[in-house]
Amino acid sequence: MQKLSSSIVLLTLLSACASPEVVDERELGDENLSCSQIKQEIAEAENFEKQARKEKGVTGTNVAAAVFFWPAMLVTYSNAEEAIDAAENRKKRLVSIGESKGCTL
């Protein structure tokens, strides 16, 4: 029973630490977006990037992970970096689509 409890706690810690959402760099229908929709999508990608950057900072979760289970902190940092890269790539793609349509972004 104690092993089961320990496993549940471990899985909970790991899932809680790897929280930044990784956006899809490409979405179906991106090429069909209007200029205003492209601007909205860029703003959304920027918000995802900001959230991921916050996760890399000193947070209560990161401090607890460092103290109690340091591999969880590594998972959080790795996930945050992946989320940042994906958001940056999404923005680049959207800007490229917007430029090809003559949008002012």
PDB file of N, CA and C in Angstrom:
ATOM      1  N   MET A   1       0.822  -1.189   0.000  1.00  0.00           N
ATOM      2  CA  MET A   1       0.000   0.000   0.000  1.00  0.00           C
ATOM      3  C   MET A   1       0.870   1.259   0.000  1.00  0.00           C
ATOM      4  N   GLN A   2       1.978   1.204   0.739  1.00  0.00           N
ATOM      5  CA  GLN A   2       2.857   2.367   0.810  1.00  0.00           C
ATOM      6  C   GLN A   2       3.520   2.625  -0.545  1.00  0.00           C
ATOM      7  N   LYS A   3       3.865   1.557  -1.269  1.00  0.00           N
ATOM      8  CA  LYS A   3       4.462   1.724  -2.589  1.00  0.00           C
ATOM      9  C   LYS A   3       3.473   2.377  -3.553  1.00  0.00           C
ATOM     10  N   LEU A   4       2.217   1.979  -3.458  1.00  0.00           N
ATOM     11  CA  LEU A   4       1.179   2.563  -4.314  1.00  0.00           C
ATOM     12  C   LEU A   4       1.017   4.047  -4.009  1.00  0.00           C
ATOM     13  N   SER A   5       0.993   4.394  -2.735  1.00  0.00           N
ATOM     14  CA  SER A   5       0.863   5.796  -2.338  1.00  0.00           C
ATOM     15  C   SER A   5       2.054   6.610  -2.821  1.00  0.00           C
ATOM     16  N   SER A   6       3.235   6.054  -2.677  1.00  0.00           N
ATOM     17  CA  SER A   6       4.444   6.746  -3.139  1.00  0.00           C
ATOM     18  C   SER A   6       4.418   6.944  -4.643  1.00  0.00           C
ATOM     19  N   SER A   7       3.967   5.943  -5.369  1.00  0.00           N
ATOM     20  CA  SER A   7       3.887   6.053  -6.823  1.00  0.00           C
ATOM     21  C   SER A   7       2.892   7.121  -7.255  1.00  0.00           C
ATOM     22  N   ILE A   8       1.762   7.184  -6.575  1.00  0.00           N
ATOM     23  CA  ILE A   8       0.749   8.189  -6.898  1.00  0.00           C
ATOM     24  C   ILE A   8       1.286   9.591  -6.626  1.00  0.00           C
ATOM     25  N   VAL A   9       1.961   9.766  -5.515  1.00  0.00           N
ATOM     26  CA  VAL A   9       2.539  11.076  -5.185  1.00  0.00           C
ATOM     27  C   VAL A   9       3.587  11.457  -6.228  1.00  0.00           C
ATOM     28  N   LEU A  10       4.423  10.524  -6.612  1.00  0.00           N
ATOM     29  CA  LEU A  10       5.469  10.778  -7.602  1.00  0.00           C
ATOM     30  C   LEU A  10       4.872  11.190  -8.938  1.00  0.00           C
ATOM     31  N   LEU A  11       3.870  10.469  -9.392  1.00  0.00           N
ATOM     32  CA  LEU A  11       3.221  10.807 -10.664  1.00  0.00           C
ATOM     33  C   LEU A  11       2.531  12.164 -10.593  1.00  0.00           C
ATOM     34  N   THR A  12       1.934  12.466  -9.472  1.00  0.00           N
ATOM     35  CA  THR A  12       1.284  13.765  -9.293  1.00  0.00           C
ATOM     36  C   THR A  12       2.306  14.896  -9.357  1.00  0.00           C
ATOM     37  N   LEU A  13       3.438  14.706  -8.695  1.00  0.00           N
ATOM     38  CA  LEU A  13       4.487  15.725  -8.740  1.00  0.00           C
ATOM     39  C   LEU A  13       5.006  15.942 -10.153  1.00  0.00           C
ATOM     40  N   LEU A  14       5.235  14.869 -10.862  1.00  0.00           N
ATOM     41  CA  LEU A  14       5.742  14.982 -12.229  1.00  0.00           C
ATOM     42  C   LEU A  14       4.752  15.678 -13.140  1.00  0.00           C
ATOM     43  N   SER A  15       3.493  15.330 -13.036  1.00  0.00           N
ATOM     44  CA  SER A  15       2.501  15.948 -13.920  1.00  0.00           C
ATOM     45  C   SER A  15       2.256  17.399 -13.546  1.00  0.00           C
ATOM     46  N   ALA A  16       2.354  17.729 -12.273  1.00  0.00           N
ATOM     47  CA  ALA A  16       2.144  19.112 -11.846  1.00  0.00           C
ATOM     48  C   ALA A  16       3.302  20.000 -12.265  1.00  0.00           C
ATOM     49  N   CYS A  17       4.489  19.449 -12.308  1.00  0.00           N
ATOM     50  CA  CYS A  17       5.659  20.257 -12.631  1.00  0.00           C
ATOM     51  C   CYS A  17       5.753  20.570 -14.121  1.00  0.00           C
ATOM     52  N   ALA A  18       5.361  19.656 -14.960  1.00  0.00           N
ATOM     53  CA  ALA A  18       5.491  19.843 -16.402  1.00  0.00           C
ATOM     54  C   ALA A  18       4.246  20.534 -16.943  1.00  0.00           C
ATOM     55  N   SER A  19       4.024  21.787 -16.488  1.00  0.00           N
ATOM     56  CA  SER A  19       2.753  22.422 -16.778  1.00  0.00           C
ATOM     57  C   SER A  19       2.674  23.311 -18.016  1.00  0.00           C
ATOM     58  N   PRO A  20       3.755  23.920 -18.508  1.00  0.00           N
ATOM     59  CA  PRO A  20       3.556  24.802 -19.664  1.00  0.00           C
ATOM     60  C   PRO A  20       2.998  24.031 -20.862  1.00  0.00           C
ATOM     61  N   GLU A  21       1.977  24.610 -21.460  1.00  0.00           N
ATOM     62  CA  GLU A  21       1.372  23.954 -22.622  1.00  0.00           C
ATOM     63  C   GLU A  21       2.226  24.207 -23.863  1.00  0.00           C
ATOM     64  N   VAL A  22       2.478  23.152 -24.598  1.00  0.00           N
ATOM     65  CA  VAL A  22       3.240  23.244 -25.840  1.00  0.00           C
ATOM     66  C   VAL A  22       2.240  23.392 -26.981  1.00  0.00           C
ATOM     67  N   VAL A  23       2.279  24.550 -27.650  1.00  0.00           N
ATOM     68  CA  VAL A  23       1.335  24.811 -28.739  1.00  0.00           C
ATOM     69  C   VAL A  23       1.799  24.091 -30.007  1.00  0.00           C
ATOM     70  N   ASP A  24       0.842  23.815 -30.874  1.00  0.00           N
ATOM     71  CA  ASP A  24       1.174  23.258 -32.173  1.00  0.00           C
ATOM     72  C   ASP A  24       1.732  24.379 -33.034  1.00  0.00           C
ATOM     73  N   GLU A  25       2.860  24.123 -33.662  1.00  0.00           N
ATOM     74  CA  GLU A  25       3.461  25.136 -34.512  1.00  0.00           C
ATOM     75  C   GLU A  25       2.623  25.376 -35.764  1.00  0.00           C
ATOM     76  N   ARG A  26       1.991  24.339 -36.238  1.00  0.00           N
ATOM     77  CA  ARG A  26       1.148  24.419 -37.430  1.00  0.00           C
ATOM     78  C   ARG A  26      -0.246  23.920 -37.072  1.00  0.00           C
ATOM     79  N   GLU A  27      -1.235  24.675 -37.493  1.00  0.00           N
ATOM     80  CA  GLU A  27      -2.614  24.244 -37.287  1.00  0.00           C
ATOM     81  C   GLU A  27      -3.320  24.208 -38.630  1.00  0.00           C
ATOM     82  N   LEU A  28      -4.228  23.274 -38.754  1.00  0.00           N
ATOM     83  CA  LEU A  28      -5.012  23.147 -39.967  1.00  0.00           C
ATOM     84  C   LEU A  28      -5.772  24.441 -40.211  1.00  0.00           C
ATOM     85  N   GLY A  29      -5.651  24.986 -41.381  1.00  0.00           N
ATOM     86  CA  GLY A  29      -6.367  26.205 -41.721  1.00  0.00           C
ATOM     87  C   GLY A  29      -5.590  27.478 -41.473  1.00  0.00           C
ATOM     88  N   ASP A  30      -4.333  27.386 -41.051  1.00  0.00           N
ATOM     89  CA  ASP A  30      -3.533  28.587 -40.825  1.00  0.00           C
ATOM     90  C   ASP A  30      -3.501  29.482 -42.068  1.00  0.00           C
ATOM     91  N   GLU A  31      -3.362  28.875 -43.228  1.00  0.00           N
ATOM     92  CA  GLU A  31      -3.254  29.650 -44.466  1.00  0.00           C
ATOM     93  C   GLU A  31      -4.552  30.384 -44.806  1.00  0.00           C
ATOM     94  N   ASN A  32      -5.664  29.978 -44.222  1.00  0.00           N
ATOM     95  CA  ASN A  32      -6.963  30.591 -44.506  1.00  0.00           C
ATOM     96  C   ASN A  32      -7.334  31.686 -43.516  1.00  0.00           C
ATOM     97  N   LEU A  33      -6.466  31.971 -42.551  1.00  0.00           N
ATOM     98  CA  LEU A  33      -6.767  32.979 -41.546  1.00  0.00           C
ATOM     99  C   LEU A  33      -6.751  34.378 -42.158  1.00  0.00           C
ATOM    100  N   SER A  34      -7.610  35.244 -41.654  1.00  0.00           N
ATOM    101  CA  SER A  34      -7.590  36.645 -42.066  1.00  0.00           C
ATOM    102  C   SER A  34      -6.461  37.353 -41.314  1.00  0.00           C
ATOM    103  N   CYS A  35      -6.153  38.560 -41.706  1.00  0.00           N
ATOM    104  CA  CYS A  35      -5.093  39.326 -41.037  1.00  0.00           C
ATOM    105  C   CYS A  35      -5.399  39.518 -39.553  1.00  0.00           C
ATOM    106  N   SER A  36      -6.630  39.831 -39.230  1.00  0.00           N
ATOM    107  CA  SER A  36      -6.982  40.030 -37.812  1.00  0.00           C
ATOM    108  C   SER A  36      -6.891  38.709 -37.038  1.00  0.00           C
ATOM    109  N   GLN A  37      -7.256  37.614 -37.672  1.00  0.00           N
ATOM    110  CA  GLN A  37      -7.138  36.313 -37.011  1.00  0.00           C
ATOM    111  C   GLN A  37      -5.669  35.942 -36.802  1.00  0.00           C
ATOM    112  N   ILE A  38      -4.823  36.286 -37.765  1.00  0.00           N
ATOM    113  CA  ILE A  38      -3.388  36.026 -37.621  1.00  0.00           C
ATOM    114  C   ILE A  38      -2.845  36.811 -36.431  1.00  0.00           C
ATOM    115  N   LYS A  39      -3.243  38.072 -36.304  1.00  0.00           N
ATOM    116  CA  LYS A  39      -2.811  38.891 -35.167  1.00  0.00           C
ATOM    117  C   LYS A  39      -3.251  38.268 -33.844  1.00  0.00           C
ATOM    118  N   GLN A  40      -4.481  37.754 -33.803  1.00  0.00           N
ATOM    119  CA  GLN A  40      -4.977  37.106 -32.584  1.00  0.00           C
ATOM    120  C   GLN A  40      -4.170  35.852 -32.265  1.00  0.00           C
ATOM    121  N   GLU A  41      -3.865  35.079 -33.281  1.00  0.00           N
ATOM    122  CA  GLU A  41      -3.085  33.850 -33.081  1.00  0.00           C
ATOM    123  C   GLU A  41      -1.670  34.170 -32.598  1.00  0.00           C
ATOM    124  N   ILE A  42      -1.083  35.243 -33.129  1.00  0.00           N
ATOM    125  CA  ILE A  42       0.252  35.656 -32.689  1.00  0.00           C
ATOM    126  C   ILE A  42       0.203  36.067 -31.220  1.00  0.00           C
ATOM    127  N   ALA A  43      -0.813  36.830 -30.844  1.00  0.00           N
ATOM    128  CA  ALA A  43      -0.964  37.252 -29.450  1.00  0.00           C
ATOM    129  C   ALA A  43      -1.133  36.039 -28.530  1.00  0.00           C
ATOM    130  N   GLU A  44      -1.886  35.054 -28.986  1.00  0.00           N
ATOM    131  CA  GLU A  44      -2.071  33.836 -28.188  1.00  0.00           C
ATOM    132  C   GLU A  44      -0.749  33.093 -28.025  1.00  0.00           C
ATOM    133  N   ALA A  45       0.009  32.988 -29.093  1.00  0.00           N
ATOM    134  CA  ALA A  45       1.321  32.322 -29.020  1.00  0.00           C
ATOM    135  C   ALA A  45       2.254  33.081 -28.077  1.00  0.00           C
ATOM    136  N   GLU A  46       2.184  34.409 -28.084  1.00  0.00           N
ATOM    137  CA  GLU A  46       3.003  35.205 -27.169  1.00  0.00           C
ATOM    138  C   GLU A  46       2.617  34.937 -25.721  1.00  0.00           C
ATOM    139  N   ASN A  47       1.323  34.774 -25.462  1.00  0.00           N
ATOM    140  CA  ASN A  47       0.873  34.454 -24.101  1.00  0.00           C
ATOM    141  C   ASN A  47       1.391  33.089 -23.659  1.00  0.00           C
ATOM    142  N   PHE A  48       1.352  32.106 -24.553  1.00  0.00           N
ATOM    143  CA  PHE A  48       1.882  30.780 -24.219  1.00  0.00           C
ATOM    144  C   PHE A  48       3.375  30.879 -23.906  1.00  0.00           C
ATOM    145  N   GLU A  49       4.088  31.678 -24.695  1.00  0.00           N
ATOM    146  CA  GLU A  49       5.528  31.835 -24.468  1.00  0.00           C
ATOM    147  C   GLU A  49       5.800  32.498 -23.114  1.00  0.00           C
ATOM    148  N   LYS A  50       5.042  33.536 -22.777  1.00  0.00           N
ATOM    149  CA  LYS A  50       5.214  34.213 -21.494  1.00  0.00           C
ATOM    150  C   LYS A  50       4.966  33.262 -20.331  1.00  0.00           C
ATOM    151  N   GLN A  51       3.902  32.461 -20.443  1.00  0.00           N
ATOM    152  CA  GLN A  51       3.598  31.491 -19.383  1.00  0.00           C
ATOM    153  C   GLN A  51       4.727  30.483 -19.221  1.00  0.00           C
ATOM    154  N   ALA A  52       5.259  30.017 -20.329  1.00  0.00           N
ATOM    155  CA  ALA A  52       6.350  29.037 -20.268  1.00  0.00           C
ATOM    156  C   ALA A  52       7.594  29.657 -19.642  1.00  0.00           C
ATOM    157  N   ARG A  53       7.870  30.908 -19.970  1.00  0.00           N
ATOM    158  CA  ARG A  53       9.034  31.589 -19.381  1.00  0.00           C
ATOM    159  C   ARG A  53       8.859  31.761 -17.870  1.00  0.00           C
ATOM    160  N   LYS A  54       7.633  32.001 -17.422  1.00  0.00           N
ATOM    161  CA  LYS A  54       7.369  32.111 -15.986  1.00  0.00           C
ATOM    162  C   LYS A  54       7.664  30.795 -15.277  1.00  0.00           C
ATOM    163  N   GLU A  55       7.358  29.686 -15.943  1.00  0.00           N
ATOM    164  CA  GLU A  55       7.583  28.361 -15.338  1.00  0.00           C
ATOM    165  C   GLU A  55       9.063  28.076 -15.121  1.00  0.00           C
ATOM    166  N   LYS A  56       9.922  28.744 -15.874  1.00  0.00           N
ATOM    167  CA  LYS A  56      11.363  28.533 -15.714  1.00  0.00           C
ATOM    168  C   LYS A  56      11.925  29.347 -14.567  1.00  0.00           C
ATOM    169  N   GLY A  57      11.145  30.282 -14.047  1.00  0.00           N
ATOM    170  CA  GLY A  57      11.616  31.135 -12.967  1.00  0.00           C
ATOM    171  C   GLY A  57      11.515  30.451 -11.615  1.00  0.00           C
ATOM    172  N   VAL A  58      11.749  31.228 -10.587  1.00  0.00           N
ATOM    173  CA  VAL A  58      11.668  30.710  -9.230  1.00  0.00           C
ATOM    174  C   VAL A  58      10.198  30.729  -8.806  1.00  0.00           C
ATOM    175  N   THR A  59       9.610  29.552  -8.805  1.00  0.00           N
ATOM    176  CA  THR A  59       8.225  29.402  -8.376  1.00  0.00           C
ATOM    177  C   THR A  59       8.191  28.453  -7.188  1.00  0.00           C
ATOM    178  N   GLY A  60       7.088  28.454  -6.486  1.00  0.00           N
ATOM    179  CA  GLY A  60       6.946  27.540  -5.354  1.00  0.00           C
ATOM    180  C   GLY A  60       7.095  26.095  -5.781  1.00  0.00           C
ATOM    181  N   THR A  61       6.542  25.774  -6.936  1.00  0.00           N
ATOM    182  CA  THR A  61       6.636  24.401  -7.443  1.00  0.00           C
ATOM    183  C   THR A  61       8.082  24.044  -7.749  1.00  0.00           C
ATOM    184  N   ASN A  62       8.809  24.966  -8.376  1.00  0.00           N
ATOM    185  CA  ASN A  62      10.200  24.681  -8.719  1.00  0.00           C
ATOM    186  C   ASN A  62      11.070  24.535  -7.474  1.00  0.00           C
ATOM    187  N   VAL A  63      10.824  25.369  -6.457  1.00  0.00           N
ATOM    188  CA  VAL A  63      11.580  25.265  -5.218  1.00  0.00           C
ATOM    189  C   VAL A  63      11.289  23.925  -4.543  1.00  0.00           C
ATOM    190  N   ALA A  64      10.014  23.556  -4.480  1.00  0.00           N
ATOM    191  CA  ALA A  64       9.650  22.268  -3.874  1.00  0.00           C
ATOM    192  C   ALA A  64      10.270  21.113  -4.652  1.00  0.00           C
ATOM    193  N   ALA A  65      10.262  21.226  -5.979  1.00  0.00           N
ATOM    194  CA  ALA A  65      10.849  20.167  -6.806  1.00  0.00           C
ATOM    195  C   ALA A  65      12.344  20.058  -6.534  1.00  0.00           C
ATOM    196  N   ALA A  66      13.016  21.198  -6.402  1.00  0.00           N
ATOM    197  CA  ALA A  66      14.460  21.187  -6.150  1.00  0.00           C
ATOM    198  C   ALA A  66      14.773  20.563  -4.797  1.00  0.00           C
ATOM    199  N   VAL A  67      13.918  20.814  -3.815  1.00  0.00           N
ATOM    200  CA  VAL A  67      14.156  20.306  -2.465  1.00  0.00           C
ATOM    201  C   VAL A  67      13.779  18.834  -2.345  1.00  0.00           C
ATOM    202  N   PHE A  68      12.600  18.476  -2.839  1.00  0.00           N
ATOM    203  CA  PHE A  68      12.087  17.137  -2.602  1.00  0.00           C
ATOM    204  C   PHE A  68      12.344  16.144  -3.732  1.00  0.00           C
ATOM    205  N   PHE A  69      12.357  16.623  -4.951  1.00  0.00           N
ATOM    206  CA  PHE A  69      12.496  15.693  -6.080  1.00  0.00           C
ATOM    207  C   PHE A  69      13.071  16.457  -7.268  1.00  0.00           C
ATOM    208  N   TRP A  70      14.392  16.639  -7.264  1.00  0.00           N
ATOM    209  CA  TRP A  70      15.027  17.479  -8.270  1.00  0.00           C
ATOM    210  C   TRP A  70      14.805  17.028  -9.713  1.00  0.00           C
ATOM    211  N   PRO A  71      14.617  15.728 -10.023  1.00  0.00           N
ATOM    212  CA  PRO A  71      14.333  15.392 -11.428  1.00  0.00           C
ATOM    213  C   PRO A  71      13.053  16.038 -11.953  1.00  0.00           C
ATOM    214  N   ALA A  72      12.095  16.303 -11.061  1.00  0.00           N
ATOM    215  CA  ALA A  72      10.860  16.959 -11.489  1.00  0.00           C
ATOM    216  C   ALA A  72      11.148  18.373 -11.973  1.00  0.00           C
ATOM    217  N   MET A  73      12.111  19.031 -11.345  1.00  0.00           N
ATOM    218  CA  MET A  73      12.488  20.374 -11.774  1.00  0.00           C
ATOM    219  C   MET A  73      13.089  20.330 -13.182  1.00  0.00           C
ATOM    220  N   LEU A  74      13.870  19.307 -13.452  1.00  0.00           N
ATOM    221  CA  LEU A  74      14.449  19.159 -14.786  1.00  0.00           C
ATOM    222  C   LEU A  74      13.361  18.941 -15.838  1.00  0.00           C
ATOM    223  N   VAL A  75      12.339  18.185 -15.467  1.00  0.00           N
ATOM    224  CA  VAL A  75      11.212  17.953 -16.373  1.00  0.00           C
ATOM    225  C   VAL A  75      10.496  19.269 -16.657  1.00  0.00           C
ATOM    226  N   THR A  76      10.288  20.080 -15.627  1.00  0.00           N
ATOM    227  CA  THR A  76       9.627  21.372 -15.802  1.00  0.00           C
ATOM    228  C   THR A  76      10.433  22.271 -16.723  1.00  0.00           C
ATOM    229  N   TYR A  77      11.733  22.357 -16.496  1.00  0.00           N
ATOM    230  CA  TYR A  77      12.581  23.212 -17.326  1.00  0.00           C
ATOM    231  C   TYR A  77      12.608  22.718 -18.769  1.00  0.00           C
ATOM    232  N   SER A  78      12.682  21.423 -18.943  1.00  0.00           N
ATOM    233  CA  SER A  78      12.696  20.859 -20.297  1.00  0.00           C
ATOM    234  C   SER A  78      11.382  21.141 -21.010  1.00  0.00           C
ATOM    235  N   ASN A  79      10.269  20.945 -20.309  1.00  0.00           N
ATOM    236  CA  ASN A  79       8.954  21.198 -20.891  1.00  0.00           C
ATOM    237  C   ASN A  79       8.779  22.677 -21.203  1.00  0.00           C
ATOM    238  N   ALA A  80       9.256  23.536 -20.317  1.00  0.00           N
ATOM    239  CA  ALA A  80       9.141  24.980 -20.538  1.00  0.00           C
ATOM    240  C   ALA A  80       9.941  25.387 -21.772  1.00  0.00           C
ATOM    241  N   GLU A  81      11.122  24.848 -21.935  1.00  0.00           N
ATOM    242  CA  GLU A  81      11.948  25.175 -23.102  1.00  0.00           C
ATOM    243  C   GLU A  81      11.276  24.711 -24.393  1.00  0.00           C
ATOM    244  N   GLU A  82      10.676  23.527 -24.346  1.00  0.00           N
ATOM    245  CA  GLU A  82       9.944  23.016 -25.508  1.00  0.00           C
ATOM    246  C   GLU A  82       8.749  23.918 -25.835  1.00  0.00           C
ATOM    247  N   ALA A  83       8.049  24.372 -24.803  1.00  0.00           N
ATOM    248  CA  ALA A  83       6.894  25.251 -25.004  1.00  0.00           C
ATOM    249  C   ALA A  83       7.320  26.597 -25.582  1.00  0.00           C
ATOM    250  N   ILE A  84       8.443  27.133 -25.109  1.00  0.00           N
ATOM    251  CA  ILE A  84       8.963  28.405 -25.625  1.00  0.00           C
ATOM    252  C   ILE A  84       9.334  28.270 -27.093  1.00  0.00           C
ATOM    253  N   ASP A  85      10.058  27.216 -27.424  1.00  0.00           N
ATOM    254  CA  ASP A  85      10.463  26.988 -28.818  1.00  0.00           C
ATOM    255  C   ASP A  85       9.252  26.847 -29.734  1.00  0.00           C
ATOM    256  N   ALA A  86       8.256  26.090 -29.293  1.00  0.00           N
ATOM    257  CA  ALA A  86       7.060  25.881 -30.107  1.00  0.00           C
ATOM    258  C   ALA A  86       6.310  27.191 -30.319  1.00  0.00           C
ATOM    259  N   ALA A  87       6.201  28.005 -29.271  1.00  0.00           N
ATOM    260  CA  ALA A  87       5.500  29.293 -29.394  1.00  0.00           C
ATOM    261  C   ALA A  87       6.255  30.223 -30.337  1.00  0.00           C
ATOM    262  N   GLU A  88       7.575  30.253 -30.227  1.00  0.00           N
ATOM    263  CA  GLU A  88       8.380  31.092 -31.118  1.00  0.00           C
ATOM    264  C   GLU A  88       8.226  30.653 -32.577  1.00  0.00           C
ATOM    265  N   ASN A  89       8.259  29.350 -32.799  1.00  0.00           N
ATOM    266  CA  ASN A  89       8.100  28.825 -34.162  1.00  0.00           C
ATOM    267  C   ASN A  89       6.703  29.101 -34.704  1.00  0.00           C
ATOM    268  N   ARG A  90       5.704  29.027 -33.842  1.00  0.00           N
ATOM    269  CA  ARG A  90       4.331  29.332 -34.255  1.00  0.00           C
ATOM    270  C   ARG A  90       4.233  30.798 -34.690  1.00  0.00           C
ATOM    271  N   LYS A  91       4.818  31.681 -33.893  1.00  0.00           N
ATOM    272  CA  LYS A  91       4.782  33.098 -34.243  1.00  0.00           C
ATOM    273  C   LYS A  91       5.480  33.358 -35.582  1.00  0.00           C
ATOM    274  N   LYS A  92       6.643  32.748 -35.781  1.00  0.00           N
ATOM    275  CA  LYS A  92       7.374  32.921 -37.048  1.00  0.00           C
ATOM    276  C   LYS A  92       6.526  32.464 -38.226  1.00  0.00           C
ATOM    277  N   ARG A  93       5.869  31.327 -38.071  1.00  0.00           N
ATOM    278  CA  ARG A  93       5.026  30.801 -39.144  1.00  0.00           C
ATOM    279  C   ARG A  93       3.879  31.760 -39.438  1.00  0.00           C
ATOM    280  N   LEU A  94       3.231  32.245 -38.393  1.00  0.00           N
ATOM    281  CA  LEU A  94       2.099  33.147 -38.575  1.00  0.00           C
ATOM    282  C   LEU A  94       2.531  34.468 -39.213  1.00  0.00           C
ATOM    283  N   VAL A  95       3.677  34.986 -38.799  1.00  0.00           N
ATOM    284  CA  VAL A  95       4.193  36.218 -39.395  1.00  0.00           C
ATOM    285  C   VAL A  95       4.472  35.998 -40.882  1.00  0.00           C
ATOM    286  N   SER A  96       5.042  34.854 -41.200  1.00  0.00           N
ATOM    287  CA  SER A  96       5.329  34.537 -42.599  1.00  0.00           C
ATOM    288  C   SER A  96       4.044  34.480 -43.429  1.00  0.00           C
ATOM    289  N   ILE A  97       3.032  33.843 -42.887  1.00  0.00           N
ATOM    290  CA  ILE A  97       1.737  33.763 -43.583  1.00  0.00           C
ATOM    291  C   ILE A  97       1.147  35.168 -43.732  1.00  0.00           C
ATOM    292  N   GLY A  98       1.223  35.944 -42.650  1.00  0.00           N
ATOM    293  CA  GLY A  98       0.695  37.301 -42.686  1.00  0.00           C
ATOM    294  C   GLY A  98       1.412  38.173 -43.713  1.00  0.00           C
ATOM    295  N   GLU A  99       2.728  38.051 -43.779  1.00  0.00           N
ATOM    296  CA  GLU A  99       3.493  38.826 -44.760  1.00  0.00           C
ATOM    297  C   GLU A  99       3.128  38.445 -46.187  1.00  0.00           C
ATOM    298  N   SER A 100       2.924  37.152 -46.410  1.00  0.00           N
ATOM    299  CA  SER A 100       2.569  36.702 -47.758  1.00  0.00           C
ATOM    300  C   SER A 100       1.192  37.207 -48.177  1.00  0.00           C
ATOM    301  N   LYS A 101       0.356  37.549 -47.191  1.00  0.00           N
ATOM    302  CA  LYS A 101      -0.982  38.075 -47.477  1.00  0.00           C
ATOM    303  C   LYS A 101      -0.999  39.606 -47.486  1.00  0.00           C
ATOM    304  N   GLY A 102       0.134  40.215 -47.174  1.00  0.00           N
ATOM    305  CA  GLY A 102       0.197  41.668 -47.137  1.00  0.00           C
ATOM    306  C   GLY A 102      -0.363  42.274 -45.862  1.00  0.00           C
ATOM    307  N   CYS A 103      -0.444  41.498 -44.816  1.00  0.00           N
ATOM    308  CA  CYS A 103      -0.957  41.987 -43.536  1.00  0.00           C
ATOM    309  C   CYS A 103       0.073  42.903 -42.869  1.00  0.00           C
ATOM    310  N   THR A 104      -0.393  43.891 -42.139  1.00  0.00           N
ATOM    311  CA  THR A 104       0.490  44.702 -41.321  1.00  0.00           C
ATOM    312  C   THR A 104       0.434  44.160 -39.897  1.00  0.00           C
ATOM    313  N   LEU A 105       1.509  43.544 -39.502  1.00  0.00           N
ATOM    314  CA  LEU A 105       1.548  42.902 -38.190  1.00  0.00           C
ATOM    315  C   LEU A 105       2.437  43.729 -37.313  1.00  0.00           C
TER     316      LEU A 105
END
